[in-house]
Amino acid sequence: MNWQHLESQTDLDRLLSLFGGFHDGCLREAHLWTGHSVSSDLSMSCPVDLDIRVRLLFQRQWANPSAIELLFEQVTTFHLQSHPNTDSIIDAATLLHCDGLFYWADRYNWSPADADRNDATWIAGKMLSWRDASEWMGSELRFGPNIASPFEGEPNTEE
């Protein structure tokens, strides 16, 4: 699984075509991290650069490839939108290179200039790479362990 760096709108268009416009796909997982950390002596490491990275795993109901991973670096925005009583199946997505940023959005013909841009899930970063993740199909989590929700199971009745 070698990373392919994307550098232009042409690169984005090729990936969009290769992955069928994300049609009949879903965002399976997201993992976000920064270069900031607090050590055991409680001192903080604070990089001065834009240091947010996000990995996104997408799966779709088509082959070759059936799953891809996107890696956004120097992320400026990550907006997650969920609508009650609707599924999260992607009908068509947008990949866009504009004003030095790479964008992905779960809506066809989406633009960062749209008045209703936040009615979609979207991400923007200064660098973007992708790789084939077709061996990562199914419900198994790849970016972290599957932990039980504290809201599942028997309610706590102790007072």
Protein backbone atom coordinates (compact mmCIF):
# COMPACT_ATOMS: atom_id res chain seq x y z
CA MET A 1 0.00 0.00 0.00
CA ASN A 2 2.12 2.86 -1.30
CA TRP A 3 0.93 6.43 -0.87
CA GLN A 4 0.20 8.39 -4.04
CA HIS A 5 0.68 12.14 -3.59
CA LEU A 6 -1.93 14.33 -5.25
CA GLU A 7 -0.70 17.63 -6.63
CA SER A 8 -3.28 19.01 -9.05
CA GLN A 9 -6.94 19.03 -10.02
CA THR A 10 -6.03 16.55 -12.77
CA ASP A 11 -4.72 14.13 -10.12
CA LEU A 12 -7.94 14.60 -8.13
CA ASP A 13 -10.11 14.02 -11.19
CA ARG A 14 -8.24 10.78 -11.95
CA LEU A 15 -8.77 9.53 -8.40
CA LEU A 16 -12.42 10.54 -8.49
CA SER A 17 -12.86 8.59 -11.72
CA LEU A 18 -10.92 5.57 -10.41
CA PHE A 19 -13.08 5.41 -7.29
CA GLY A 20 -16.34 5.94 -9.19
CA GLY A 21 -17.04 9.34 -7.68
CA PHE A 22 -17.35 7.59 -4.30
CA HIS A 23 -20.79 6.37 -5.52
CA ASP A 24 -22.35 3.66 -3.32
CA GLY A 25 -19.60 4.31 -0.81
CA CYS A 26 -19.31 5.22 2.81
CA LEU A 27 -16.85 6.92 5.11
CA ARG A 28 -15.99 3.92 7.29
CA GLU A 29 -13.43 5.48 9.66
CA ALA A 30 -11.63 8.73 10.45
CA HIS A 31 -8.52 9.23 12.56
CA LEU A 32 -7.23 12.69 13.52
CA TRP A 33 -3.98 13.55 15.30
CA THR A 34 -1.70 16.51 15.90
CA GLY A 35 1.94 17.07 16.79
CA HIS A 36 0.87 18.51 20.14
CA SER A 37 1.37 16.35 23.23
CA VAL A 38 1.87 16.55 26.97
CA SER A 39 4.71 14.50 28.44
CA SER A 40 4.65 12.61 31.74
CA ASP A 41 6.27 15.63 33.45
CA LEU A 42 3.31 17.71 32.15
CA SER A 43 5.37 19.79 29.75
CA MET A 44 3.69 20.47 26.43
CA SER A 45 5.12 20.07 22.95
CA CYS A 46 3.59 22.67 20.65
CA PRO A 47 4.74 22.65 17.02
CA VAL A 48 4.47 26.03 15.37
CA ASP A 49 3.46 24.57 12.00
CA LEU A 50 -0.05 23.56 10.98
CA ASP A 51 0.22 20.01 12.32
CA ILE A 52 -3.23 18.40 12.08
CA ARG A 53 -3.46 15.18 10.03
CA VAL A 54 -6.55 13.14 9.21
CA ARG A 55 -6.80 9.64 7.73
CA LEU A 56 -10.11 8.68 6.14
CA LEU A 57 -11.09 5.16 5.11
CA PHE A 58 -13.75 4.85 2.41
CA GLN A 59 -15.37 1.62 1.25
CA ARG A 60 -17.67 1.16 -1.73
CA GLN A 61 -19.78 -1.51 -3.38
CA TRP A 62 -17.55 -1.72 -6.46
CA ALA A 63 -14.20 -3.37 -7.10
CA ASN A 64 -10.80 -2.17 -8.25
CA PRO A 65 -10.44 -0.47 -5.82
CA SER A 66 -13.19 -1.29 -3.34
CA ALA A 67 -11.63 0.80 -0.53
CA ILE A 68 -9.21 3.70 -0.40
CA GLU A 69 -7.55 5.67 2.33
CA LEU A 70 -7.08 9.44 2.09
CA LEU A 71 -4.43 11.22 4.17
CA PHE A 72 -4.91 14.95 4.60
CA GLU A 73 -1.98 16.85 6.10
CA GLN A 74 -1.87 20.40 7.40
CA VAL A 75 -5.64 20.25 7.83
CA THR A 76 -7.42 23.58 8.15
CA THR A 77 -11.02 22.33 8.46
CA PHE A 78 -12.74 19.03 9.18
CA HIS A 79 -16.52 19.39 9.20
CA LEU A 80 -18.62 16.31 9.97
CA GLN A 81 -22.32 16.61 9.22
CA SER A 82 -24.85 13.94 10.13
CA HIS A 83 -28.57 14.15 9.48
CA PRO A 84 -31.07 12.28 11.70
CA ASN A 85 -33.14 9.60 10.00
CA THR A 86 -30.90 9.42 6.93
CA ASP A 87 -28.26 6.93 5.90
CA SER A 88 -24.61 7.83 5.36
CA ILE A 89 -24.29 6.36 1.88
CA ILE A 90 -22.36 8.63 -0.46
CA ASP A 91 -24.09 9.18 -3.77
CA ALA A 92 -21.33 11.33 -5.27
CA ALA A 93 -18.41 13.26 -3.81
CA THR A 94 -16.25 16.22 -4.72
CA LEU A 95 -12.45 16.41 -4.82
CA LEU A 96 -11.23 19.94 -5.39
CA HIS A 97 -7.92 21.83 -5.42
CA CYS A 98 -8.56 25.52 -4.77
CA ASP A 99 -6.47 28.37 -3.34
CA GLY A 100 -3.68 26.04 -2.20
CA LEU A 101 -6.01 23.62 -0.38
CA PHE A 102 -7.26 20.14 -1.22
CA TYR A 103 -10.92 19.48 -0.44
CA TRP A 104 -13.06 16.37 -0.20
CA ALA A 105 -16.84 16.65 0.35
CA ASP A 106 -19.61 14.07 0.39
CA ARG A 107 -21.73 16.07 -2.05
CA TYR A 108 -21.48 16.40 -5.85
CA ASN A 109 -20.46 19.87 -7.10
CA TRP A 110 -19.76 21.05 -3.56
CA SER A 111 -17.68 24.22 -3.20
CA PRO A 112 -16.11 25.96 -0.18
CA ALA A 113 -17.83 29.12 -1.45
CA ASP A 114 -21.33 27.57 -1.21
CA ALA A 115 -23.60 29.25 1.31
CA ASP A 116 -24.76 25.79 2.45
CA ARG A 117 -21.25 24.23 2.46
CA ASN A 118 -21.69 23.06 6.07
CA ASP A 119 -24.67 20.93 5.10
CA ALA A 120 -22.08 18.38 3.98
CA THR A 121 -19.18 16.49 5.50
CA TRP A 122 -15.99 18.05 4.17
CA ILE A 123 -12.30 18.42 4.87
CA ALA A 124 -9.58 20.80 3.67
CA GLY A 125 -5.82 20.43 3.92
CA LYS A 126 -2.67 21.69 2.28
CA MET A 127 -1.49 18.19 1.28
CA LEU A 128 -3.37 15.08 0.20
CA SER A 129 -2.29 11.50 -0.52
CA TRP A 130 -4.22 8.31 -1.16
CA ARG A 131 -3.65 4.59 -1.28
CA ASP A 132 -5.59 1.48 -2.20
CA ALA A 133 -7.05 -0.17 0.91
CA SER A 134 -9.16 -2.85 -0.81
CA GLU A 135 -8.01 -5.47 1.70
CA TRP A 136 -9.74 -3.39 4.42
CA MET A 137 -13.32 -4.31 3.57
CA GLY A 138 -15.90 -5.26 6.17
CA SER A 139 -16.75 -4.03 9.63
CA GLU A 140 -13.36 -4.53 11.28
CA LEU A 141 -11.92 -1.25 12.52
CA ARG A 142 -8.47 -0.43 11.11
CA PHE A 143 -7.55 2.82 12.87
CA GLY A 144 -8.20 1.75 16.45
CA PRO A 145 -9.88 -0.76 18.72
CA ASN A 146 -13.60 -1.26 18.81
CA ILE A 147 -14.53 -0.16 22.33
CA ALA A 148 -17.92 -0.55 23.92
CA SER A 149 -19.99 2.57 24.23
CA PRO A 150 -20.87 3.54 27.81
CA PHE A 151 -24.43 4.07 26.49
CA GLU A 152 -24.84 0.44 25.39
CA GLY A 153 -25.92 -2.39 27.64
CA GLU A 154 -27.74 -2.21 30.94
CA PRO A 155 -28.41 1.26 32.29
CA ASN A 156 -26.73 2.14 35.58
CA THR A 157 -29.46 2.18 38.25
CA GLU A 158 -27.20 2.76 41.26
CA GLU A 159 -27.74 6.03 43.08
